[in-house]
Amino acid sequence: MPKLYEYFGLTVLFYANEHEPLHVHGKSQGRESRAEIIVLNGTVVEVRYSAVAGRPPLDRQEMRYFEELVSAHASDIVAKWIDFFVLHKPIVPERITRRIK
């Protein structure tokens, strides 16, 4: 399971056996939510957030961090999806220690 980011206690990752549509998971202390990134003609046009079946969702603060990170790094997440799932390259996780605004 390739970890992409750590951000204020939140881990953002892909599961190794993922499927389309392109999405990432945000996890913290047993809670989990998902962000589906919609790409049209090579451009991120929307991000849709949802709960993950069988898991309690991220709490309000964790969800705020998840939305901040995914919104700010959506294009990078798309590139990492292609690197990992299409080109089979390893992903180097990034720890973000400053708030994303």
Protein backbone atom coordinates (compact mmCIF):
# COMPACT_ATOMS: atom_id res chain seq x y z
CA MET A 1 0.00 0.00 0.00
CA PRO A 2 1.93 3.03 -1.21
CA LYS A 3 1.78 5.95 1.20
CA LEU A 4 1.79 9.32 -0.57
CA TYR A 5 1.66 11.88 2.24
CA GLU A 6 1.62 12.34 5.98
CA TYR A 7 -0.12 15.52 7.07
CA PHE A 8 -0.87 16.35 10.74
CA GLY A 9 -1.61 12.72 11.70
CA LEU A 10 -3.42 11.94 8.46
CA THR A 11 -2.03 9.35 6.06
CA VAL A 12 -2.96 9.64 2.37
CA LEU A 13 -2.40 6.50 0.32
CA PHE A 14 -3.34 4.21 -2.53
CA TYR A 15 -4.14 0.57 -1.88
CA ALA A 16 -1.87 -1.63 -4.01
CA ASN A 17 -4.82 -3.38 -5.66
CA GLU A 18 -6.69 -0.17 -6.57
CA HIS A 19 -9.06 0.27 -9.44
CA GLU A 20 -10.37 3.19 -11.41
CA PRO A 21 -11.73 5.78 -10.96
CA LEU A 22 -8.58 7.48 -9.75
CA HIS A 23 -8.83 8.01 -5.99
CA VAL A 24 -6.88 8.17 -2.74
CA HIS A 25 -7.72 7.21 0.81
CA GLY A 26 -7.22 9.36 3.87
CA LYS A 27 -6.72 7.42 7.12
CA SER A 28 -6.33 8.41 10.74
CA GLN A 29 -6.79 6.34 13.91
CA GLY A 30 -9.03 3.71 12.30
CA ARG A 31 -11.13 6.26 10.42
CA GLU A 32 -11.05 6.50 6.64
CA SER A 33 -12.49 8.58 3.81
CA ARG A 34 -11.92 8.60 0.07
CA ALA A 35 -11.29 11.33 -2.52
CA GLU A 36 -12.07 10.58 -6.17
CA ILE A 37 -10.20 12.87 -8.55
CA ILE A 38 -12.03 13.62 -11.79
CA VAL A 39 -9.71 14.37 -14.72
CA LEU A 40 -10.96 15.68 -18.07
CA ASN A 41 -8.54 16.16 -20.98
CA GLY A 42 -5.57 15.92 -18.63
CA THR A 43 -6.89 18.54 -16.19
CA VAL A 44 -8.29 17.96 -12.70
CA VAL A 45 -11.85 19.31 -12.84
CA GLU A 46 -13.38 18.02 -9.61
CA VAL A 47 -12.70 16.12 -6.40
CA ARG A 48 -15.50 14.06 -4.83
CA TYR A 49 -15.22 13.01 -1.19
CA SER A 50 -17.00 10.01 0.29
CA ALA A 51 -16.99 7.55 3.16
CA VAL A 52 -15.41 4.11 2.84
CA ALA A 53 -17.76 1.15 3.39
CA GLY A 54 -17.15 -0.61 6.68
CA ARG A 55 -15.00 2.18 8.16
CA PRO A 56 -15.96 5.19 10.26
CA PRO A 57 -15.29 8.40 8.29
CA LEU A 58 -12.59 10.91 9.14
CA ASP A 59 -13.68 13.37 11.82
CA ARG A 60 -14.28 17.02 10.97
CA GLN A 61 -10.70 18.24 11.53
CA GLU A 62 -9.16 15.23 9.75
CA MET A 63 -11.53 15.75 6.82
CA ARG A 64 -10.52 19.41 6.63
CA TYR A 65 -6.85 18.34 6.43
CA PHE A 66 -7.70 15.69 3.83
CA GLU A 67 -9.56 18.21 1.66
CA GLU A 68 -6.73 20.77 1.98
CA LEU A 69 -4.11 18.25 0.95
CA VAL A 70 -6.01 16.65 -1.92
CA SER A 71 -7.11 20.01 -3.33
CA ALA A 72 -3.57 21.41 -3.20
CA HIS A 73 -1.88 18.26 -4.55
CA ALA A 74 -4.51 16.80 -6.93
CA SER A 75 -2.28 17.05 -10.02
CA ASP A 76 0.62 15.47 -8.13
CA ILE A 77 -1.67 12.65 -6.96
CA VAL A 78 -2.68 12.01 -10.59
CA ALA A 79 1.01 11.85 -11.58
CA LYS A 80 1.74 9.45 -8.71
CA TRP A 81 -1.23 7.25 -9.75
CA ILE A 82 0.22 7.01 -13.26
CA ASP A 83 3.73 6.37 -11.92
CA PHE A 84 2.58 3.57 -9.62
CA PHE A 85 -0.26 1.86 -11.50
CA VAL A 86 0.79 2.43 -15.13
CA LEU A 87 4.58 2.81 -15.08
CA HIS A 88 5.13 0.59 -11.98
CA LYS A 89 7.48 3.08 -10.34
CA PRO A 90 7.89 3.23 -6.57
CA ILE A 91 6.35 6.11 -4.66
CA VAL A 92 8.38 8.07 -2.11
CA PRO A 93 6.10 9.34 0.68
CA GLU A 94 6.20 13.00 1.61
CA ARG A 95 5.74 14.37 5.14
CA ILE A 96 4.12 17.81 5.09
CA THR A 97 4.74 19.71 8.31
CA ARG A 98 3.28 23.12 7.47
CA ARG A 99 -0.38 23.93 6.98
CA ILE A 100 -1.54 24.08 3.39
CA LYS A 101 -3.67 27.15 2.79
